[in-house]
Amino acid sequence: MSGTTDSQSLEQTRPNQKQDVVYVGYRRRGRAVVEKQPGQERVTPQQSLELANHSPSGFSWGYSGSGPAQLALALLLDYTGDEDVALAHYTEFKNRVVSQLDCSHPEGYWRLTGTDIENALPELSDQAVAPAN
C-alpha cells in the first residue's frame, strides 16, 4: 500500500498481554454489535463516520462492502487513536482482515485482538503502528 506516514508517530509498542484489547462482534436481533473488552464497551460507527461515511446504518463483516469498510475504519481509529493512520490503512485492513471475520461457528461471534491488529498493520504499510493509550 502506498502512502507516507510520520515514522516517529508510528513507533511500535507492545501492550502488556493482560491489557491487550479484544474486539468481539456478533449479531443480536439481526443487527451487528461490536464490543471492546475488557469492559464490554460498545464500539459504534459515530466517530469513524466523521472521517468517512460508508455505512451510516452500521457495521458488518465477512465480505468487502460498505458495512465492513465502516467497521475497518472504526477498529483502526479506536485501536490506534490516529485518524491519519486509520484513513490510510482501513481499505486494505477491510480487504485482508474484516472481510474474513466470521460468526458462523457454533460460538456465533468473531474475536480480534490488539495483537491481531498489530500483526496486520505492518503488512499493510510496512511500518509499525502503536496502539492508543
Protein backbone atom coordinates (compact mmCIF):
# COMPACT_ATOMS: atom_id res chain seq x y z
CA MET A 1 0.00 0.00 0.00
CA SER A 2 1.46 3.35 -0.91
CA GLY A 3 1.36 6.48 1.17
CA THR A 4 3.54 8.29 3.60
CA THR A 5 3.25 8.39 7.33
CA ASP A 6 5.32 10.01 10.03
CA SER A 7 7.55 7.17 11.22
CA GLN A 8 8.05 8.84 14.62
CA SER A 9 4.29 8.78 15.28
CA LEU A 10 4.19 5.10 14.33
CA GLU A 11 6.62 3.81 16.94
CA GLN A 12 5.61 0.27 17.80
CA THR A 13 4.94 -0.59 21.41
CA ARG A 14 3.88 -3.98 22.62
CA PRO A 15 0.98 -3.67 25.08
CA ASN A 16 1.04 -5.79 28.20
CA GLN A 17 -0.70 -9.05 27.30
CA LYS A 18 -3.03 -8.67 30.31
CA GLN A 19 -4.13 -5.28 28.97
CA ASP A 20 -4.40 -6.34 25.34
CA VAL A 21 -7.67 -5.12 23.90
CA VAL A 22 -10.09 -7.62 22.37
CA TYR A 23 -12.84 -6.71 19.91
CA VAL A 24 -15.78 -9.11 19.70
CA GLY A 25 -18.50 -8.98 17.06
CA TYR A 26 -21.82 -10.79 16.91
CA ARG A 27 -25.38 -10.30 15.74
CA ARG A 28 -28.28 -9.55 18.05
CA ARG A 29 -31.77 -9.49 16.50
CA GLY A 30 -30.17 -9.19 13.08
CA ARG A 31 -28.01 -6.16 13.97
CA ALA A 32 -24.23 -6.16 14.12
CA VAL A 33 -22.81 -5.50 17.59
CA VAL A 34 -19.12 -4.87 18.28
CA GLU A 35 -17.73 -4.69 21.80
CA LYS A 36 -14.30 -3.74 23.11
CA GLN A 37 -13.09 -5.83 26.02
CA PRO A 38 -12.26 -5.71 28.81
CA GLY A 39 -15.25 -3.74 29.95
CA GLN A 40 -17.66 -4.68 27.14
CA GLU A 41 -17.59 -1.10 25.81
CA ARG A 42 -19.74 -0.80 22.67
CA VAL A 43 -17.89 0.28 19.51
CA THR A 44 -20.15 2.44 17.36
CA PRO A 45 -19.69 3.95 13.89
CA GLN A 46 -20.18 7.58 15.06
CA GLN A 47 -16.55 8.70 15.34
CA SER A 48 -15.49 6.91 12.15
CA LEU A 49 -18.44 8.41 10.24
CA GLU A 50 -16.89 11.83 10.80
CA LEU A 51 -13.88 10.68 8.75
CA ALA A 52 -15.62 8.69 6.01
CA ASN A 53 -19.31 7.87 5.63
CA HIS A 54 -19.57 4.38 4.18
CA SER A 55 -22.39 2.89 6.22
CA PRO A 56 -24.46 5.13 8.49
CA SER A 57 -26.73 2.13 9.15
CA GLY A 58 -23.93 0.28 10.94
CA PHE A 59 -21.17 -2.27 10.78
CA SER A 60 -20.89 -5.56 9.02
CA TRP A 61 -18.16 -8.11 8.27
CA GLY A 62 -17.37 -11.18 6.23
CA TYR A 63 -17.30 -9.51 2.80
CA SER A 64 -15.85 -6.37 1.16
CA GLY A 65 -18.70 -3.86 1.32
CA SER A 66 -19.69 -0.59 2.95
CA GLY A 67 -20.50 -2.04 6.39
CA PRO A 68 -17.11 -3.78 6.60
CA ALA A 69 -15.40 -0.57 5.42
CA GLN A 70 -17.01 1.36 8.28
CA LEU A 71 -16.00 -1.36 10.76
CA ALA A 72 -12.40 -1.42 9.50
CA LEU A 73 -12.14 2.35 9.85
CA ALA A 74 -13.73 2.29 13.32
CA LEU A 75 -11.46 -0.51 14.56
CA LEU A 76 -8.28 1.16 13.35
CA LEU A 77 -9.38 4.53 14.70
CA ASP A 78 -10.26 3.04 18.08
CA TYR A 79 -7.12 0.92 18.34
CA THR A 80 -4.54 3.44 17.12
CA GLY A 81 -6.26 6.66 18.15
CA ASP A 82 -4.78 8.17 14.97
CA GLU A 83 -7.11 9.47 12.25
CA ASP A 84 -4.35 9.61 9.62
CA VAL A 85 -3.27 6.01 10.21
CA ALA A 86 -6.89 4.81 10.21
CA LEU A 87 -7.69 6.63 6.96
CA ALA A 88 -4.50 5.47 5.27
CA HIS A 89 -4.98 1.78 6.03
CA TYR A 90 -8.63 0.92 6.58
CA THR A 91 -9.42 -0.14 3.00
CA GLU A 92 -6.65 -2.73 2.93
CA PHE A 93 -7.49 -3.74 6.54
CA LYS A 94 -11.07 -4.31 5.39
CA ASN A 95 -9.90 -6.45 2.49
CA ARG A 96 -7.38 -8.52 4.46
CA VAL A 97 -8.99 -8.77 7.91
CA VAL A 98 -12.59 -7.57 8.26
CA SER A 99 -13.79 -9.35 5.13
CA GLN A 100 -12.52 -12.62 6.68
CA LEU A 101 -14.29 -12.26 10.05
CA ASP A 102 -16.90 -14.97 10.54
CA CYS A 103 -19.66 -15.68 13.06
CA SER A 104 -20.88 -18.94 11.58
CA HIS A 105 -19.05 -21.22 14.02
CA PRO A 106 -21.04 -22.58 17.00
CA GLU A 107 -19.97 -19.75 19.34
CA GLY A 108 -21.63 -17.23 17.00
CA TYR A 109 -19.06 -14.43 17.31
CA TRP A 110 -15.72 -13.29 15.95
CA ARG A 111 -12.79 -12.15 18.07
CA LEU A 112 -9.98 -9.81 17.04
CA THR A 113 -7.20 -8.88 19.47
CA GLY A 114 -4.97 -5.85 19.56
CA THR A 115 -2.12 -8.20 18.76
CA ASP A 116 -4.00 -9.37 15.64
CA ILE A 117 -4.30 -5.73 14.56
CA GLU A 118 -0.64 -5.06 15.34
CA ASN A 119 0.34 -8.06 13.26
CA ALA A 120 -1.81 -6.97 10.30
CA LEU A 121 -0.74 -3.33 10.18
CA PRO A 122 2.90 -3.82 9.19
CA GLU A 123 1.73 -5.99 6.29
CA LEU A 124 -0.49 -3.13 5.15
CA SER A 125 2.05 -0.36 5.48
CA ASP A 126 5.49 -1.87 6.11
CA GLN A 127 5.52 0.29 9.24
CA ALA A 128 4.55 -0.49 12.80
CA VAL A 129 1.71 1.32 14.50
CA ALA A 130 1.36 1.93 18.21
CA PRO A 131 -1.99 1.44 19.94
CA ALA A 132 -3.76 4.38 21.54
CA ASN A 133 -3.36 4.66 25.28
